[in-house]
Amino acid sequence: MLAVPDARLDEVPAAVVVGANGVEWSGVVDQLRQRLAGFKIPRAIYKATELPVTATNRVQRATLREWIASGRLERVL
């Protein structure tokens, strides 16, 4: 999960997933709605082949935001 810019709310949550082919994303979001508060539900889900990580194996969220802004990641929901 990471925050992406939004015109109305400033930032909204988004998710980036790896290796999830053939998934029904609306069903996944329905399951998340049953378990999470509304403000934690991702407004967008993007599919990536890999996650960029640092030398200490932390996900580089800034790089993911750049990939989303440039259209490098496929939006699935």
N, C-alpha and C. Protein backbone atom coordinates (compact mmCIF):
# COMPACT_ATOMS: atom_id res chain seq x y z
N MET A 1 0.85 -1.18 0.00
CA MET A 1 0.00 0.00 0.00
C MET A 1 0.88 1.23 0.00
N LEU A 2 0.40 2.26 -0.69
CA LEU A 2 1.08 3.53 -0.71
C LEU A 2 0.06 4.61 -1.01
N ALA A 3 0.44 5.84 -0.76
CA ALA A 3 -0.45 6.97 -1.02
C ALA A 3 -0.13 7.55 -2.39
N VAL A 4 -1.17 7.83 -3.16
CA VAL A 4 -1.01 8.46 -4.47
C VAL A 4 -1.80 9.76 -4.47
N PRO A 5 -1.37 10.74 -5.26
CA PRO A 5 -2.05 12.04 -5.28
C PRO A 5 -3.50 11.93 -5.76
N ASP A 6 -4.35 12.78 -5.19
CA ASP A 6 -5.76 12.85 -5.56
C ASP A 6 -6.17 14.31 -5.57
N ALA A 7 -6.92 14.72 -6.58
CA ALA A 7 -7.30 16.13 -6.72
C ALA A 7 -8.20 16.60 -5.58
N ARG A 8 -9.11 15.76 -5.14
CA ARG A 8 -10.08 16.17 -4.12
C ARG A 8 -9.58 15.95 -2.71
N LEU A 9 -8.95 14.80 -2.45
CA LEU A 9 -8.57 14.44 -1.08
C LEU A 9 -7.09 14.58 -0.78
N ASP A 10 -6.32 15.12 -1.70
CA ASP A 10 -4.88 15.29 -1.58
C ASP A 10 -4.14 13.98 -1.81
N GLU A 11 -4.43 12.93 -1.03
CA GLU A 11 -3.83 11.62 -1.22
C GLU A 11 -4.85 10.53 -0.90
N VAL A 12 -4.77 9.43 -1.64
CA VAL A 12 -5.63 8.28 -1.40
C VAL A 12 -4.78 7.02 -1.43
N PRO A 13 -5.23 5.94 -0.77
CA PRO A 13 -4.44 4.70 -0.78
C PRO A 13 -4.55 3.97 -2.12
N ALA A 14 -3.44 3.35 -2.50
CA ALA A 14 -3.39 2.51 -3.69
C ALA A 14 -2.57 1.27 -3.34
N ALA A 15 -2.80 0.22 -4.08
CA ALA A 15 -2.06 -1.03 -3.85
C ALA A 15 -1.33 -1.41 -5.13
N VAL A 16 -0.15 -1.98 -4.97
CA VAL A 16 0.61 -2.54 -6.09
C VAL A 16 0.81 -4.02 -5.78
N VAL A 17 0.39 -4.87 -6.70
CA VAL A 17 0.49 -6.31 -6.50
C VAL A 17 1.42 -6.92 -7.55
N VAL A 18 2.05 -8.01 -7.18
CA VAL A 18 2.96 -8.73 -8.07
C VAL A 18 2.45 -10.16 -8.23
N GLY A 19 2.40 -10.63 -9.47
CA GLY A 19 2.07 -12.03 -9.72
C GLY A 19 0.65 -12.42 -9.40
N ALA A 20 -0.30 -11.59 -9.70
CA ALA A 20 -1.70 -11.91 -9.43
C ALA A 20 -2.46 -11.89 -10.75
N ASN A 21 -2.25 -12.91 -11.55
CA ASN A 21 -2.94 -13.01 -12.84
C ASN A 21 -4.25 -13.75 -12.66
N GLY A 22 -5.29 -13.29 -13.35
CA GLY A 22 -6.58 -13.96 -13.30
C GLY A 22 -7.37 -13.74 -12.03
N VAL A 23 -7.10 -12.68 -11.32
CA VAL A 23 -7.79 -12.39 -10.06
C VAL A 23 -8.99 -11.50 -10.34
N GLU A 24 -10.10 -11.77 -9.69
CA GLU A 24 -11.29 -10.92 -9.78
C GLU A 24 -11.13 -9.80 -8.74
N TRP A 25 -10.74 -8.62 -9.18
CA TRP A 25 -10.37 -7.53 -8.27
C TRP A 25 -11.56 -6.96 -7.52
N SER A 26 -12.73 -6.96 -8.13
CA SER A 26 -13.90 -6.44 -7.41
C SER A 26 -14.21 -7.33 -6.20
N GLY A 27 -13.99 -8.62 -6.32
CA GLY A 27 -14.19 -9.53 -5.20
C GLY A 27 -13.18 -9.30 -4.09
N VAL A 28 -11.95 -9.00 -4.49
CA VAL A 28 -10.90 -8.71 -3.49
C VAL A 28 -11.27 -7.45 -2.72
N VAL A 29 -11.73 -6.42 -3.42
CA VAL A 29 -12.10 -5.17 -2.75
C VAL A 29 -13.30 -5.39 -1.84
N ASP A 30 -14.24 -6.23 -2.25
CA ASP A 30 -15.39 -6.55 -1.38
C ASP A 30 -14.93 -7.21 -0.09
N GLN A 31 -13.96 -8.11 -0.18
CA GLN A 31 -13.42 -8.75 1.02
C GLN A 31 -12.69 -7.74 1.90
N LEU A 32 -11.98 -6.82 1.29
CA LEU A 32 -11.29 -5.78 2.06
C LEU A 32 -12.30 -4.89 2.79
N ARG A 33 -13.42 -4.59 2.15
CA ARG A 33 -14.45 -3.74 2.78
C ARG A 33 -15.01 -4.39 4.04
N GLN A 34 -15.01 -5.72 4.09
CA GLN A 34 -15.52 -6.42 5.27
C GLN A 34 -14.53 -6.37 6.42
N ARG A 35 -13.24 -6.16 6.12
CA ARG A 35 -12.21 -6.25 7.15
C ARG A 35 -11.57 -4.92 7.53
N LEU A 36 -11.61 -3.93 6.62
CA LEU A 36 -10.91 -2.68 6.86
C LEU A 36 -11.86 -1.50 6.94
N ALA A 37 -11.40 -0.45 7.57
CA ALA A 37 -12.16 0.80 7.59
C ALA A 37 -12.18 1.38 6.18
N GLY A 38 -13.20 2.14 5.85
CA GLY A 38 -13.38 2.68 4.51
C GLY A 38 -12.22 3.48 3.99
N PHE A 39 -11.56 4.26 4.85
CA PHE A 39 -10.46 5.10 4.39
C PHE A 39 -9.20 4.29 4.08
N LYS A 40 -9.17 3.02 4.46
CA LYS A 40 -8.01 2.17 4.19
C LYS A 40 -8.16 1.34 2.91
N ILE A 41 -9.32 1.34 2.30
CA ILE A 41 -9.57 0.58 1.08
C ILE A 41 -8.84 1.25 -0.08
N PRO A 42 -8.04 0.50 -0.85
CA PRO A 42 -7.33 1.13 -1.96
C PRO A 42 -8.30 1.63 -3.03
N ARG A 43 -8.06 2.84 -3.50
CA ARG A 43 -8.90 3.42 -4.56
C ARG A 43 -8.45 2.93 -5.93
N ALA A 44 -7.23 2.42 -6.00
CA ALA A 44 -6.69 1.90 -7.25
C ALA A 44 -5.77 0.73 -6.92
N ILE A 45 -5.74 -0.25 -7.83
CA ILE A 45 -4.83 -1.38 -7.70
C ILE A 45 -4.04 -1.48 -9.00
N TYR A 46 -2.73 -1.56 -8.86
CA TYR A 46 -1.83 -1.64 -10.02
C TYR A 46 -1.10 -2.97 -9.99
N LYS A 47 -0.80 -3.49 -11.18
CA LYS A 47 -0.09 -4.75 -11.31
C LYS A 47 1.34 -4.47 -11.78
N ALA A 48 2.31 -5.09 -11.11
CA ALA A 48 3.72 -4.93 -11.47
C ALA A 48 4.37 -6.29 -11.62
N THR A 49 5.46 -6.35 -12.36
CA THR A 49 6.20 -7.60 -12.50
C THR A 49 7.13 -7.82 -11.32
N GLU A 50 7.58 -6.72 -10.72
CA GLU A 50 8.44 -6.79 -9.54
C GLU A 50 8.33 -5.48 -8.77
N LEU A 51 8.73 -5.51 -7.51
CA LEU A 51 8.75 -4.31 -6.69
C LEU A 51 10.18 -3.80 -6.58
N PRO A 52 10.37 -2.49 -6.73
CA PRO A 52 11.72 -1.95 -6.55
C PRO A 52 12.07 -1.94 -5.06
N VAL A 53 13.22 -2.46 -4.72
CA VAL A 53 13.63 -2.53 -3.32
C VAL A 53 15.00 -1.91 -3.13
N THR A 54 15.27 -1.51 -1.90
CA THR A 54 16.58 -0.96 -1.53
C THR A 54 17.53 -2.10 -1.23
N ALA A 55 18.75 -1.76 -0.86
CA ALA A 55 19.75 -2.78 -0.51
C ALA A 55 19.35 -3.56 0.74
N THR A 56 18.49 -2.97 1.57
CA THR A 56 18.02 -3.65 2.78
C THR A 56 16.63 -4.27 2.60
N ASN A 57 16.22 -4.46 1.34
CA ASN A 57 14.95 -5.09 0.98
C ASN A 57 13.71 -4.34 1.43
N ARG A 58 13.77 -3.02 1.45
CA ARG A 58 12.57 -2.22 1.71
C ARG A 58 12.01 -1.74 0.37
N VAL A 59 10.71 -1.74 0.26
CA VAL A 59 10.08 -1.32 -0.99
C VAL A 59 10.27 0.18 -1.18
N GLN A 60 10.67 0.57 -2.38
CA GLN A 60 10.88 1.98 -2.71
C GLN A 60 9.54 2.57 -3.17
N ARG A 61 8.80 3.14 -2.25
CA ARG A 61 7.48 3.67 -2.56
C ARG A 61 7.54 4.87 -3.49
N ALA A 62 8.57 5.69 -3.36
CA ALA A 62 8.71 6.85 -4.25
C ALA A 62 8.86 6.40 -5.70
N THR A 63 9.60 5.33 -5.92
CA THR A 63 9.77 4.79 -7.26
C THR A 63 8.44 4.26 -7.79
N LEU A 64 7.66 3.59 -6.93
CA LEU A 64 6.35 3.11 -7.34
C LEU A 64 5.44 4.27 -7.72
N ARG A 65 5.48 5.37 -6.97
CA ARG A 65 4.67 6.55 -7.32
C ARG A 65 5.07 7.09 -8.69
N GLU A 66 6.37 7.12 -8.97
CA GLU A 66 6.85 7.58 -10.27
C GLU A 66 6.36 6.66 -11.38
N TRP A 67 6.42 5.35 -11.15
CA TRP A 67 5.95 4.39 -12.15
C TRP A 67 4.47 4.57 -12.42
N ILE A 68 3.69 4.83 -11.38
CA ILE A 68 2.25 5.05 -11.55
C ILE A 68 2.00 6.32 -12.34
N ALA A 69 2.69 7.39 -11.99
CA ALA A 69 2.50 8.67 -12.67
C ALA A 69 2.90 8.59 -14.14
N SER A 70 3.93 7.81 -14.45
CA SER A 70 4.40 7.73 -15.83
C SER A 70 3.63 6.69 -16.65
N GLY A 71 2.73 5.93 -16.02
CA GLY A 71 1.95 4.93 -16.73
C GLY A 71 2.67 3.62 -16.94
N ARG A 72 3.74 3.40 -16.23
CA ARG A 72 4.52 2.17 -16.39
C ARG A 72 3.81 0.95 -15.81
N LEU A 73 2.95 1.15 -14.81
CA LEU A 73 2.23 0.05 -14.18
C LEU A 73 0.80 -0.03 -14.76
N GLU A 74 0.31 -1.24 -14.90
CA GLU A 74 -1.04 -1.46 -15.42
C GLU A 74 -2.05 -1.35 -14.27
N ARG A 75 -3.05 -0.49 -14.47
CA ARG A 75 -4.10 -0.35 -13.47
C ARG A 75 -5.16 -1.43 -13.70
N VAL A 76 -5.43 -2.22 -12.68
CA VAL A 76 -6.40 -3.31 -12.81
C VAL A 76 -7.72 -2.99 -12.14
N LEU A 77 -7.75 -1.96 -11.31
CA LEU A 77 -9.00 -1.52 -10.68
C LEU A 77 -8.91 -0.05 -10.38
